[in-house]
Amino acid sequence: MTEPNSTPSTTPTLLNASVIIPVYNGADTIRPLTERLEKTLPDLFADYEILLIEDGGQDSSWTVIQELCQQYEKVRGIRLMRNFGQHNAVLCGIREARYEITITMDDDLQHPPEQIGLLLAEYLKGYDVIYAVPKKLPHSWWRNISSKLSKFALSKIMRIPIQEIGAFRLFRTDLRKAFADYRSPDVYIDPLLSWGTAKFGHVMVDEEKREIGHSNYTFSTLVRAGMLILTGYSTVPLRLASTIGFIFMLFGFGILIYVLIITIALGSVPGFPFLSSIIALFAGVQLFTLGIMGEYLARMYDRSTDRPPYIIGEDSRTAARGPQEE
């Protein structure tokens, strides 16, 4: 693995890269981020493009993106018709990418463009997907814990030996063939990438603290993301429900034997609290399993409506154009 502090060669490779950045209320950060990318990418790639996907924010991000498109030839802006979500915006960028390598990163300046060379060096060893793993998470303690738990669950679902997956990644663009027909409105990029390869690698990087603005992720959005990962890309919860149901069936059978023995010995079963507790316990298990099934039914319903994961409203390359579904 590449040493974290090593300096990759500044000789450009013969590869070309598409850098995808989902933008949500990032008017204050995307300009310095683009400037840093414009200084870094020419030393690493023969050609490149920077795709800024504006995801229906409330600030002047699209105006800034238009200015950057005028200033830099390599920058392309895409504006979605409304807010679809970070992973939906990234999916849009992946499908619009023109070059053989795709790099995804956030718009908040926490992912240093100067460390893309470390990802590239590891990629050239034969991996298909390289994740940038932060040496130290810069978030609050609850955010770090919830992030680690969700990433751990996702790595187990994807069956890859990397537990610190994240938004800063480099991969082969043609992996998108594996999810070319994916149209669910609930999108999570990492499981989709695992549909096309099992060759995952990672490098350690210094993730910077967020100096401008605040994170758009709350505890509720992280919980929702966790539920999406578990029920949208895995059958583990269903198997868990089946296992719990089987265990409590055995437990219930044991209770039945106990009741029969007590009835034969004493003539009746003493203790109404005991019986009510058992009933409440089994009712809770039933509601839990029904809730898991409900989550899967919700995913099936969302997919049956054929709602697109995103809709492009405007593209800087083609000027203002009518809405197009992707």
Foldseek 3Di string as FASTA:
>chain_A
DDAQPDAFALAEDAFEEEEEEEDAPLQPQQVVVVVQLVVANVSYHPYYAYEYEYAAHDDCNVVSLLVVVVVDVRYKYFYFPHHLDDQLSVLVSLVVDDTFKYWYDYRQQQDRSNCVSVQVVVVVVPFFKEAAAEPDDQDDPVVVVLLQVLLQVLCVLLVAPDSRHDRGMMGTSVLCVQCVPPFFLDDDVVSSSSSRDRRYYYDYYHGDHRPDDDDPDDPVNSVVSSLCSDQVRHCVLVVVLVVVVVVVVVVVVVVVVVQVVCCVVPVGDDDPPVVVVNVVVVVVSVVSNVVSVVSNVVSVVSVVVSHGNTWTQAISVVGGDHIDGD
